[in-house]
Every structure is written in structure tokens, then in C-alpha cells.
PDB file of N, CA and C in Angstrom:
ATOM      1  N   MET A   1      -3.253 -26.236 -14.393  1.00  0.00           N
ATOM      2  CA  MET A   1      -4.325 -25.279 -14.101  1.00  0.00           C
ATOM      3  C   MET A   1      -5.521 -25.633 -14.935  1.00  0.00           C
ATOM      4  N   LYS A   2      -6.668 -25.815 -14.212  1.00  0.00           N
ATOM      5  CA  LYS A   2      -7.848 -26.268 -14.699  1.00  0.00           C
ATOM      6  C   LYS A   2      -8.584 -25.009 -15.323  1.00  0.00           C
ATOM      7  N   LYS A   3      -9.247 -25.196 -16.550  1.00  0.00           N
ATOM      8  CA  LYS A   3      -9.901 -24.042 -17.251  1.00  0.00           C
ATOM      9  C   LYS A   3     -11.232 -23.929 -16.611  1.00  0.00           C
ATOM     10  N   ILE A   4     -11.704 -22.627 -16.371  1.00  0.00           N
ATOM     11  CA  ILE A   4     -12.917 -22.416 -15.810  1.00  0.00           C
ATOM     12  C   ILE A   4     -14.061 -22.181 -16.906  1.00  0.00           C
ATOM     13  N   SER A   5     -15.279 -22.419 -16.459  1.00  0.00           N
ATOM     14  CA  SER A   5     -16.397 -22.308 -17.409  1.00  0.00           C
ATOM     15  C   SER A   5     -16.795 -20.820 -17.528  1.00  0.00           C
ATOM     16  N   LYS A   6     -17.541 -20.558 -18.570  1.00  0.00           N
ATOM     17  CA  LYS A   6     -18.091 -19.221 -18.848  1.00  0.00           C
ATOM     18  C   LYS A   6     -18.891 -18.697 -17.716  1.00  0.00           C
ATOM     19  N   GLU A   7     -19.844 -19.562 -17.067  1.00  0.00           N
ATOM     20  CA  GLU A   7     -20.653 -19.129 -16.018  1.00  0.00           C
ATOM     21  C   GLU A   7     -19.889 -18.821 -14.711  1.00  0.00           C
ATOM     22  N   ARG A   8     -18.869 -19.642 -14.544  1.00  0.00           N
ATOM     23  CA  ARG A   8     -17.841 -19.338 -13.396  1.00  0.00           C
ATOM     24  C   ARG A   8     -17.121 -18.014 -13.595  1.00  0.00           C
ATOM     25  N   THR A   9     -16.778 -17.825 -14.789  1.00  0.00           N
ATOM     26  CA  THR A   9     -16.032 -16.448 -15.146  1.00  0.00           C
ATOM     27  C   THR A   9     -16.761 -15.284 -14.601  1.00  0.00           C
ATOM     28  N   PHE A  10     -18.054 -15.313 -14.882  1.00  0.00           N
ATOM     29  CA  PHE A  10     -19.097 -14.204 -14.610  1.00  0.00           C
ATOM     30  C   PHE A  10     -19.335 -14.105 -12.998  1.00  0.00           C
ATOM     31  N   GLU A  11     -19.104 -15.312 -12.262  1.00  0.00           N
ATOM     32  CA  GLU A  11     -19.334 -15.450 -10.941  1.00  0.00           C
ATOM     33  C   GLU A  11     -18.108 -14.815 -10.240  1.00  0.00           C
ATOM     34  N   VAL A  12     -16.855 -15.092 -10.781  1.00  0.00           N
ATOM     35  CA  VAL A  12     -15.704 -14.805 -10.154  1.00  0.00           C
ATOM     36  C   VAL A  12     -15.647 -13.233 -10.011  1.00  0.00           C
ATOM     37  N   ILE A  13     -15.651 -12.506 -11.128  1.00  0.00           N
ATOM     38  CA  ILE A  13     -15.534 -11.062 -11.315  1.00  0.00           C
ATOM     39  C   ILE A  13     -16.830 -10.464 -11.008  1.00  0.00           C
ATOM     40  N   ARG A  14     -17.049  -9.723  -9.836  1.00  0.00           N
ATOM     41  CA  ARG A  14     -18.183  -9.168  -9.506  1.00  0.00           C
ATOM     42  C   ARG A  14     -18.276  -7.718 -10.136  1.00  0.00           C
ATOM     43  N   SER A  15     -17.253  -6.770  -9.941  1.00  0.00           N
ATOM     44  CA  SER A  15     -17.391  -5.473 -10.441  1.00  0.00           C
ATOM     45  C   SER A  15     -15.949  -4.825 -10.319  1.00  0.00           C
ATOM     46  N   PRO A  16     -15.698  -3.853 -11.144  1.00  0.00           N
ATOM     47  CA  PRO A  16     -14.397  -3.098 -10.932  1.00  0.00           C
ATOM     48  C   PRO A  16     -14.583  -2.141  -9.630  1.00  0.00           C
ATOM     49  N   LEU A  17     -13.675  -1.896  -8.890  1.00  0.00           N
ATOM     50  CA  LEU A  17     -13.718  -1.085  -7.767  1.00  0.00           C
ATOM     51  C   LEU A  17     -13.048   0.261  -7.895  1.00  0.00           C
ATOM     52  N   ILE A  18     -13.847   1.304  -7.853  1.00  0.00           N
ATOM     53  CA  ILE A  18     -13.352   2.631  -7.950  1.00  0.00           C
ATOM     54  C   ILE A  18     -13.165   3.403  -6.756  1.00  0.00           C
ATOM     55  N   SER A  19     -11.879   3.749  -6.361  1.00  0.00           N
ATOM     56  CA  SER A  19     -11.682   4.331  -5.136  1.00  0.00           C
ATOM     57  C   SER A  19     -10.467   5.215  -5.246  1.00  0.00           C
ATOM     58  N   GLU A  20     -10.010   5.937  -4.247  1.00  0.00           N
ATOM     59  CA  GLU A  20      -8.863   6.750  -4.360  1.00  0.00           C
ATOM     60  C   GLU A  20      -7.601   5.795  -4.616  1.00  0.00           C
ATOM     61  N   LYS A  21      -7.513   4.792  -3.825  1.00  0.00           N
ATOM     62  CA  LYS A  21      -6.389   3.897  -3.881  1.00  0.00           C
ATOM     63  C   LYS A  21      -6.256   3.108  -5.257  1.00  0.00           C
ATOM     64  N   SER A  22      -7.422   2.679  -5.689  1.00  0.00           N
ATOM     65  CA  SER A  22      -7.480   1.982  -7.080  1.00  0.00           C
ATOM     66  C   SER A  22      -7.116   3.070  -8.183  1.00  0.00           C
ATOM     67  N   THR A  23      -7.444   4.282  -8.125  1.00  0.00           N
ATOM     68  CA  THR A  23      -7.138   5.321  -9.017  1.00  0.00           C
ATOM     69  C   THR A  23      -5.581   5.514  -8.938  1.00  0.00           C
ATOM     70  N   PHE A  24      -5.067   5.588  -7.780  1.00  0.00           N
ATOM     71  CA  PHE A  24      -3.575   5.876  -7.547  1.00  0.00           C
ATOM     72  C   PHE A  24      -2.911   4.578  -8.153  1.00  0.00           C
ATOM     73  N   VAL A  25      -3.165   3.487  -7.963  1.00  0.00           N
ATOM     74  CA  VAL A  25      -2.313   2.232  -8.423  1.00  0.00           C
ATOM     75  C   VAL A  25      -2.497   2.041  -9.954  1.00  0.00           C
ATOM     76  N   SER A  26      -3.563   2.612 -10.511  1.00  0.00           N
ATOM     77  CA  SER A  26      -3.705   2.442 -11.898  1.00  0.00           C
ATOM     78  C   SER A  26      -2.661   3.066 -12.676  1.00  0.00           C
ATOM     79  N   GLN A  27      -1.868   3.988 -12.211  1.00  0.00           N
ATOM     80  CA  GLN A  27      -0.878   4.541 -12.968  1.00  0.00           C
ATOM     81  C   GLN A  27       0.389   3.546 -12.951  1.00  0.00           C
ATOM     82  N   PHE A  28       0.354   2.510 -12.179  1.00  0.00           N
ATOM     83  CA  PHE A  28       1.394   1.397 -12.177  1.00  0.00           C
ATOM     84  C   PHE A  28       0.828   0.333 -12.888  1.00  0.00           C
ATOM     85  N   ASN A  29      -0.227   0.320 -13.615  1.00  0.00           N
ATOM     86  CA  ASN A  29      -0.906  -0.609 -14.497  1.00  0.00           C
ATOM     87  C   ASN A  29      -1.533  -1.850 -13.618  1.00  0.00           C
ATOM     88  N   TYR A  30      -2.137  -1.305 -12.500  1.00  0.00           N
ATOM     89  CA  TYR A  30      -2.868  -2.151 -11.699  1.00  0.00           C
ATOM     90  C   TYR A  30      -4.495  -1.959 -11.701  1.00  0.00           C
ATOM     91  N   TYR A  31      -5.230  -2.808 -11.673  1.00  0.00           N
ATOM     92  CA  TYR A  31      -6.678  -2.592 -11.737  1.00  0.00           C
ATOM     93  C   TYR A  31      -7.213  -3.473 -10.579  1.00  0.00           C
ATOM     94  N   VAL A  32      -8.305  -2.894  -9.870  1.00  0.00           N
ATOM     95  CA  VAL A  32      -8.879  -3.457  -8.832  1.00  0.00           C
ATOM     96  C   VAL A  32     -10.288  -3.910  -9.036  1.00  0.00           C
ATOM     97  N   PHE A  33     -10.615  -5.088  -8.605  1.00  0.00           N
ATOM     98  CA  PHE A  33     -11.818  -5.768  -8.823  1.00  0.00           C
ATOM     99  C   PHE A  33     -12.441  -6.304  -7.610  1.00  0.00           C
ATOM    100  N   LYS A  34     -13.783  -6.315  -7.398  1.00  0.00           N
ATOM    101  CA  LYS A  34     -14.424  -6.974  -6.396  1.00  0.00           C
ATOM    102  C   LYS A  34     -14.583  -8.404  -6.832  1.00  0.00           C
ATOM    103  N   VAL A  35     -14.241  -9.401  -6.207  1.00  0.00           N
ATOM    104  CA  VAL A  35     -14.304 -10.876  -6.613  1.00  0.00           C
ATOM    105  C   VAL A  35     -15.103 -11.684  -5.619  1.00  0.00           C
ATOM    106  N   CYS A  36     -15.401 -12.865  -6.092  1.00  0.00           N
ATOM    107  CA  CYS A  36     -16.209 -13.833  -5.303  1.00  0.00           C
ATOM    108  C   CYS A  36     -15.242 -14.321  -4.112  1.00  0.00           C
ATOM    109  N   ASN A  37     -15.910 -14.519  -2.930  1.00  0.00           N
ATOM    110  CA  ASN A  37     -15.079 -14.835  -1.695  1.00  0.00           C
ATOM    111  C   ASN A  37     -14.356 -16.056  -1.924  1.00  0.00           C
ATOM    112  N   ASP A  38     -14.998 -17.155  -2.598  1.00  0.00           N
ATOM    113  CA  ASP A  38     -14.404 -18.542  -2.710  1.00  0.00           C
ATOM    114  C   ASP A  38     -13.481 -18.557  -3.951  1.00  0.00           C
ATOM    115  N   SER A  39     -13.083 -17.568  -4.682  1.00  0.00           N
ATOM    116  CA  SER A  39     -12.199 -17.648  -5.886  1.00  0.00           C
ATOM    117  C   SER A  39     -10.736 -17.570  -5.474  1.00  0.00           C
ATOM    118  N   ASN A  40      -9.957 -18.184  -6.351  1.00  0.00           N
ATOM    119  CA  ASN A  40      -8.567 -18.233  -6.153  1.00  0.00           C
ATOM    120  C   ASN A  40      -7.902 -17.291  -7.150  1.00  0.00           C
ATOM    121  N   LYS A  41      -6.529 -17.141  -7.089  1.00  0.00           N
ATOM    122  CA  LYS A  41      -5.799 -16.234  -7.948  1.00  0.00           C
ATOM    123  C   LYS A  41      -5.834 -16.857  -9.399  1.00  0.00           C
ATOM    124  N   SER A  42      -5.760 -18.098  -9.568  1.00  0.00           N
ATOM    125  CA  SER A  42      -5.674 -18.657 -10.849  1.00  0.00           C
ATOM    126  C   SER A  42      -7.119 -18.443 -11.586  1.00  0.00           C
ATOM    127  N   GLU A  43      -8.079 -18.607 -10.915  1.00  0.00           N
ATOM    128  CA  GLU A  43      -9.458 -18.398 -11.376  1.00  0.00           C
ATOM    129  C   GLU A  43      -9.657 -16.923 -11.808  1.00  0.00           C
ATOM    130  N   ILE A  44      -9.137 -16.002 -10.979  1.00  0.00           N
ATOM    131  CA  ILE A  44      -9.269 -14.647 -11.210  1.00  0.00           C
ATOM    132  C   ILE A  44      -8.421 -14.308 -12.433  1.00  0.00           C
ATOM    133  N   LYS A  45      -7.236 -14.798 -12.694  1.00  0.00           N
ATOM    134  CA  LYS A  45      -6.377 -14.486 -13.776  1.00  0.00           C
ATOM    135  C   LYS A  45      -7.207 -15.042 -15.042  1.00  0.00           C
ATOM    136  N   GLN A  46      -7.596 -16.055 -15.041  1.00  0.00           N
ATOM    137  CA  GLN A  46      -8.359 -16.649 -16.198  1.00  0.00           C
ATOM    138  C   GLN A  46      -9.509 -15.924 -16.688  1.00  0.00           C
ATOM    139  N   ALA A  47     -10.219 -15.471 -15.556  1.00  0.00           N
ATOM    140  CA  ALA A  47     -11.522 -14.657 -15.849  1.00  0.00           C
ATOM    141  C   ALA A  47     -11.186 -13.254 -16.542  1.00  0.00           C
ATOM    142  N   ILE A  48     -10.194 -12.664 -15.929  1.00  0.00           N
ATOM    143  CA  ILE A  48      -9.738 -11.293 -16.424  1.00  0.00           C
ATOM    144  C   ILE A  48      -9.311 -11.521 -17.916  1.00  0.00           C
ATOM    145  N   GLN A  49      -8.345 -12.550 -18.101  1.00  0.00           N
ATOM    146  CA  GLN A  49      -7.936 -12.788 -19.478  1.00  0.00           C
ATOM    147  C   GLN A  49      -9.012 -12.965 -20.396  1.00  0.00           C
ATOM    148  N   SER A  50     -10.069 -13.745 -20.092  1.00  0.00           N
ATOM    149  CA  SER A  50     -11.182 -14.135 -21.084  1.00  0.00           C
ATOM    150  C   SER A  50     -12.098 -12.986 -21.272  1.00  0.00           C
ATOM    151  N   LEU A  51     -12.327 -12.287 -20.166  1.00  0.00           N
ATOM    152  CA  LEU A  51     -13.280 -11.220 -20.389  1.00  0.00           C
ATOM    153  C   LEU A  51     -12.896 -10.104 -21.075  1.00  0.00           C
ATOM    154  N   PHE A  52     -11.649  -9.667 -20.810  1.00  0.00           N
ATOM    155  CA  PHE A  52     -11.073  -8.371 -21.350  1.00  0.00           C
ATOM    156  C   PHE A  52     -10.043  -8.481 -22.407  1.00  0.00           C
ATOM    157  N   SER A  53      -9.602  -9.722 -22.857  1.00  0.00           N
ATOM    158  CA  SER A  53      -8.694 -10.150 -23.782  1.00  0.00           C
ATOM    159  C   SER A  53      -7.306  -9.443 -23.456  1.00  0.00           C
ATOM    160  N   VAL A  54      -6.885  -9.553 -22.220  1.00  0.00           N
ATOM    161  CA  VAL A  54      -5.575  -8.906 -21.887  1.00  0.00           C
ATOM    162  C   VAL A  54      -4.640  -9.922 -21.292  1.00  0.00           C
ATOM    163  N   ASP A  55      -3.226  -9.643 -21.256  1.00  0.00           N
ATOM    164  CA  ASP A  55      -2.390 -10.511 -20.624  1.00  0.00           C
ATOM    165  C   ASP A  55      -2.063 -10.201 -19.229  1.00  0.00           C
ATOM    166  N   VAL A  56      -2.449 -11.018 -18.160  1.00  0.00           N
ATOM    167  CA  VAL A  56      -2.282 -10.668 -16.837  1.00  0.00           C
ATOM    168  C   VAL A  56      -0.948 -11.077 -16.333  1.00  0.00           C
ATOM    169  N   LYS A  57      -0.285 -10.136 -15.671  1.00  0.00           N
ATOM    170  CA  LYS A  57       1.141 -10.464 -15.100  1.00  0.00           C
ATOM    171  C   LYS A  57       1.037 -11.064 -13.790  1.00  0.00           C
ATOM    172  N   SER A  58       0.259 -10.548 -12.828  1.00  0.00           N
ATOM    173  CA  SER A  58       0.120 -10.959 -11.490  1.00  0.00           C
ATOM    174  C   SER A  58      -1.240 -10.648 -10.907  1.00  0.00           C
ATOM    175  N   VAL A  59      -1.596 -11.331  -9.844  1.00  0.00           N
ATOM    176  CA  VAL A  59      -2.804 -11.178  -9.168  1.00  0.00           C
ATOM    177  C   VAL A  59      -2.468 -11.334  -7.634  1.00  0.00           C
ATOM    178  N   ASN A  60      -2.922 -10.183  -6.866  1.00  0.00           N
ATOM    179  CA  ASN A  60      -2.770 -10.193  -5.515  1.00  0.00           C
ATOM    180  C   ASN A  60      -4.179  -9.925  -4.891  1.00  0.00           C
ATOM    181  N   THR A  61      -4.572 -10.706  -3.843  1.00  0.00           N
ATOM    182  CA  THR A  61      -5.819 -10.736  -3.284  1.00  0.00           C
ATOM    183  C   THR A  61      -5.828 -10.310  -1.768  1.00  0.00           C
ATOM    184  N   LEU A  62      -6.833  -9.840  -1.321  1.00  0.00           N
ATOM    185  CA  LEU A  62      -7.037  -9.394   0.080  1.00  0.00           C
ATOM    186  C   LEU A  62      -8.483  -9.491   0.426  1.00  0.00           C
ATOM    187  N   ILE A  63      -8.827  -9.932   1.780  1.00  0.00           N
ATOM    188  CA  ILE A  63      -9.920  -9.835   2.286  1.00  0.00           C
ATOM    189  C   ILE A  63     -10.194  -8.839   3.226  1.00  0.00           C
ATOM    190  N   GLN A  64     -11.236  -7.927   2.963  1.00  0.00           N
ATOM    191  CA  GLN A  64     -11.495  -6.779   3.788  1.00  0.00           C
ATOM    192  C   GLN A  64     -12.650  -7.235   4.762  1.00  0.00           C
ATOM    193  N   LYS A  65     -12.455  -7.372   5.986  1.00  0.00           N
ATOM    194  CA  LYS A  65     -13.393  -7.748   6.883  1.00  0.00           C
ATOM    195  C   LYS A  65     -14.501  -6.731   7.109  1.00  0.00           C
ATOM    196  N   GLY A  66     -15.752  -7.085   7.178  1.00  0.00           N
ATOM    197  CA  GLY A  66     -16.904  -6.300   7.464  1.00  0.00           C
ATOM    198  C   GLY A  66     -16.753  -5.536   8.804  1.00  0.00           C
ATOM    199  N   LYS A  67     -17.111  -4.279   8.885  1.00  0.00           N
ATOM    200  CA  LYS A  67     -17.124  -3.488  10.061  1.00  0.00           C
ATOM    201  C   LYS A  67     -18.378  -3.857  11.039  1.00  0.00           C
ATOM    202  N   GLN A  68     -18.210  -3.711  12.219  1.00  0.00           N
ATOM    203  CA  GLN A  68     -19.367  -3.833  13.013  1.00  0.00           C
ATOM    204  C   GLN A  68     -19.986  -2.519  13.206  1.00  0.00           C
ATOM    205  N   LYS A  69     -21.241  -2.470  12.926  1.00  0.00           N
ATOM    206  CA  LYS A  69     -21.989  -1.168  13.081  1.00  0.00           C
ATOM    207  C   LYS A  69     -23.339  -1.346  13.856  1.00  0.00           C
ATOM    208  N   ARG A  70     -23.803  -0.221  14.428  1.00  0.00           N
ATOM    209  CA  ARG A  70     -24.936  -0.246  15.228  1.00  0.00           C
ATOM    210  C   ARG A  70     -26.034   0.621  14.452  1.00  0.00           C
ATOM    211  N   PHE A  71     -27.187  -0.008  14.390  1.00  0.00           N
ATOM    212  CA  PHE A  71     -28.478   0.516  13.719  1.00  0.00           C
ATOM    213  C   PHE A  71     -29.520   0.321  14.690  1.00  0.00           C
ATOM    214  N   ARG A  72     -29.999   1.596  15.105  1.00  0.00           N
ATOM    215  CA  ARG A  72     -31.172   1.620  16.094  1.00  0.00           C
ATOM    216  C   ARG A  72     -30.849   0.868  17.318  1.00  0.00           C
ATOM    217  N   GLY A  73     -29.693   0.909  17.867  1.00  0.00           N
ATOM    218  CA  GLY A  73     -29.230   0.228  19.074  1.00  0.00           C
ATOM    219  C   GLY A  73     -28.927  -1.299  18.833  1.00  0.00           C
ATOM    220  N   LYS A  74     -29.164  -1.803  17.738  1.00  0.00           N
ATOM    221  CA  LYS A  74     -28.883  -3.233  17.409  1.00  0.00           C
ATOM    222  C   LYS A  74     -27.476  -3.274  16.714  1.00  0.00           C
ATOM    223  N   LEU A  75     -26.788  -4.326  17.154  1.00  0.00           N
ATOM    224  CA  LEU A  75     -25.474  -4.563  16.610  1.00  0.00           C
ATOM    225  C   LEU A  75     -25.619  -5.292  15.325  1.00  0.00           C
ATOM    226  N   GLY A  76     -24.888  -4.909  14.320  1.00  0.00           N
ATOM    227  CA  GLY A  76     -24.882  -5.587  12.956  1.00  0.00           C
ATOM    228  C   GLY A  76     -23.508  -5.619  12.491  1.00  0.00           C
ATOM    229  N   ARG A  77     -23.298  -6.367  11.377  1.00  0.00           N
ATOM    230  CA  ARG A  77     -21.950  -6.552  10.644  1.00  0.00           C
ATOM    231  C   ARG A  77     -22.218  -6.339   9.192  1.00  0.00           C
ATOM    232  N   ARG A  78     -21.405  -5.562   8.681  1.00  0.00           N
ATOM    233  CA  ARG A  78     -21.263  -5.357   7.159  1.00  0.00           C
ATOM    234  C   ARG A  78     -20.625  -6.590   6.608  1.00  0.00           C
ATOM    235  N   VAL A  79     -20.945  -6.830   5.336  1.00  0.00           N
ATOM    236  CA  VAL A  79     -20.557  -7.968   4.558  1.00  0.00           C
ATOM    237  C   VAL A  79     -19.023  -7.856   4.274  1.00  0.00           C
ATOM    238  N   SER A  80     -18.225  -8.948   4.430  1.00  0.00           N
ATOM    239  CA  SER A  80     -16.824  -9.034   4.055  1.00  0.00           C
ATOM    240  C   SER A  80     -16.596  -9.040   2.645  1.00  0.00           C
ATOM    241  N   LEU A  81     -15.558  -8.448   2.116  1.00  0.00           N
ATOM    242  CA  LEU A  81     -15.241  -8.302   0.700  1.00  0.00           C
ATOM    243  C   LEU A  81     -13.879  -8.797   0.376  1.00  0.00           C
ATOM    244  N   LYS A  82     -13.802  -9.439  -0.775  1.00  0.00           N
ATOM    245  CA  LYS A  82     -12.541  -9.916  -1.237  1.00  0.00           C
ATOM    246  C   LYS A  82     -12.210  -8.983  -2.555  1.00  0.00           C
ATOM    247  N   LYS A  83     -10.968  -8.479  -2.604  1.00  0.00           N
ATOM    248  CA  LYS A  83     -10.440  -7.617  -3.640  1.00  0.00           C
ATOM    249  C   LYS A  83      -9.380  -8.271  -4.332  1.00  0.00           C
ATOM    250  N   ALA A  84      -9.321  -8.039  -5.519  1.00  0.00           N
ATOM    251  CA  ALA A  84      -8.176  -8.455  -6.388  1.00  0.00           C
ATOM    252  C   ALA A  84      -7.378  -7.412  -7.107  1.00  0.00           C
ATOM    253  N   PHE A  85      -6.085  -7.263  -6.787  1.00  0.00           N
ATOM    254  CA  PHE A  85      -5.329  -6.257  -7.566  1.00  0.00           C
ATOM    255  C   PHE A  85      -4.613  -7.059  -8.543  1.00  0.00           C
ATOM    256  N   VAL A  86      -5.096  -6.608  -9.940  1.00  0.00           N
ATOM    257  CA  VAL A  86      -4.548  -7.358 -11.054  1.00  0.00           C
ATOM    258  C   VAL A  86      -3.626  -6.441 -11.815  1.00  0.00           C
ATOM    259  N   LYS A  87      -2.311  -6.973 -12.018  1.00  0.00           N
ATOM    260  CA  LYS A  87      -1.283  -6.174 -12.788  1.00  0.00           C
ATOM    261  C   LYS A  87      -1.324  -6.789 -14.284  1.00  0.00           C
ATOM    262  N   LEU A  88      -1.416  -5.793 -15.140  1.00  0.00           N
ATOM    263  CA  LEU A  88      -1.362  -6.269 -16.586  1.00  0.00           C
ATOM    264  C   LEU A  88       0.011  -6.041 -17.159  1.00  0.00           C
ATOM    265  N   ALA A  89       0.240  -6.674 -18.287  1.00  0.00           N
ATOM    266  CA  ALA A  89       1.597  -6.582 -18.934  1.00  0.00           C
ATOM    267  C   ALA A  89       1.626  -5.100 -19.592  1.00  0.00           C
ATOM    268  N   ASP A  90       2.902  -4.715 -19.773  1.00  0.00           N
ATOM    269  CA  ASP A  90       3.087  -3.316 -20.260  1.00  0.00           C
ATOM    270  C   ASP A  90       2.384  -3.052 -21.564  1.00  0.00           C
ATOM    271  N   GLY A  91       1.711  -1.822 -21.561  1.00  0.00           N
ATOM    272  CA  GLY A  91       1.109  -1.346 -22.858  1.00  0.00           C
ATOM    273  C   GLY A  91      -0.326  -1.918 -22.850  1.00  0.00           C
ATOM    274  N   GLN A  92      -0.867  -2.563 -21.877  1.00  0.00           N
ATOM    275  CA  GLN A  92      -2.200  -3.066 -22.056  1.00  0.00           C
ATOM    276  C   GLN A  92      -3.175  -2.336 -20.983  1.00  0.00           C
ATOM    277  N   THR A  93      -4.319  -2.100 -21.386  1.00  0.00           N
ATOM    278  CA  THR A  93      -5.304  -1.338 -20.537  1.00  0.00           C
ATOM    279  C   THR A  93      -6.670  -2.029 -20.428  1.00  0.00           C
ATOM    280  N   ILE A  94      -7.480  -1.605 -19.457  1.00  0.00           N
ATOM    281  CA  ILE A  94      -8.884  -2.132 -19.320  1.00  0.00           C
ATOM    282  C   ILE A  94      -9.699  -0.847 -19.140  1.00  0.00           C
ATOM    283  N   ASP A  95     -10.738  -0.817 -19.998  1.00  0.00           N
ATOM    284  CA  ASP A  95     -11.627   0.366 -19.744  1.00  0.00           C
ATOM    285  C   ASP A  95     -12.701  -0.109 -18.792  1.00  0.00           C
ATOM    286  N   THR A  96     -12.587   0.295 -17.485  1.00  0.00           N
ATOM    287  CA  THR A  96     -13.512  -0.032 -16.462  1.00  0.00           C
ATOM    288  C   THR A  96     -14.912   0.681 -16.568  1.00  0.00           C
ATOM    289  N   SER A  97     -14.959   1.692 -17.351  1.00  0.00           N
ATOM    290  CA  SER A  97     -16.204   2.343 -17.325  1.00  0.00           C
ATOM    291  C   SER A  97     -17.296   1.784 -18.232  1.00  0.00           C
ATOM    292  N   VAL A  98     -16.823   0.645 -18.997  1.00  0.00           N
ATOM    293  CA  VAL A  98     -17.595  -0.006 -20.011  1.00  0.00           C
ATOM    294  C   VAL A  98     -18.269  -1.231 -19.136  1.00  0.00           C
ATOM    295  N   GLU A  99     -19.458  -1.656 -19.338  1.00  0.00           N
ATOM    296  CA  GLU A  99     -20.107  -2.831 -18.750  1.00  0.00           C
ATOM    297  C   GLU A  99     -19.519  -4.041 -19.405  1.00  0.00           C
ATOM    298  N   ILE A 100     -19.488  -5.022 -18.570  1.00  0.00           N
ATOM    299  CA  ILE A 100     -19.062  -6.303 -19.048  1.00  0.00           C
ATOM    300  C   ILE A 100     -20.250  -7.032 -19.838  1.00  0.00           C
ATOM    301  N   LYS A 101     -19.772  -7.540 -20.924  1.00  0.00           N
ATOM    302  CA  LYS A 101     -20.873  -8.215 -21.946  1.00  0.00           C
ATOM    303  C   LYS A 101     -20.865  -9.726 -21.779  1.00  0.00           C
TER     304      LYS A 101
END
């Protein structure tokens, strides 16, 4: 596994995702993040471990395709989004309300 640079770390993790589903899975020690579309699971794992100083157990990713929407009669498409569900080791937490330094 190749170590990623500090710059790449901040490119990979875009922001925490706060929704009903992410709040529900947080009781099972999962955290949801918006991530870069070209990132892979090992990069996401390294980025989370270095930014938050936690032990990551697993990473699951999905790509949410952008919806087609109509604006003033013109067809457009929303941006596709990649999400990462990160499971932490028992007893570890991430405070997602704090900005990343």
C-alpha cells in the first residue's frame, strides 16, 4: 500500500455527509463522507486515519449518479457523488461538527 501525500489527503476527503441515513448508521460506528470521485478505498482509509487519528476497520464506497433535472425547459444533470461509509474500531469516534484543520 502506497502512502499518500498530505495534499492528496485533503483532496480525497471532501466533507462529512449529514443525512437521516448517516445519522442512523452512526449508532453502528459508521461515518459517511463525500469523497473524490477518483479515490479508492485504501486512499480513503489512509486519509481518515491521518486526519482524525483513529483506527479504520473497513471502508465501503458507492457512487450516487446525478439526477436529470429540468430548468426553464432545458434538460440538465446534477453532479454525480461518491460516498464512503467508514467503520471505526470499537470505542473510537469522530466529531464531524468540527472543521478539518
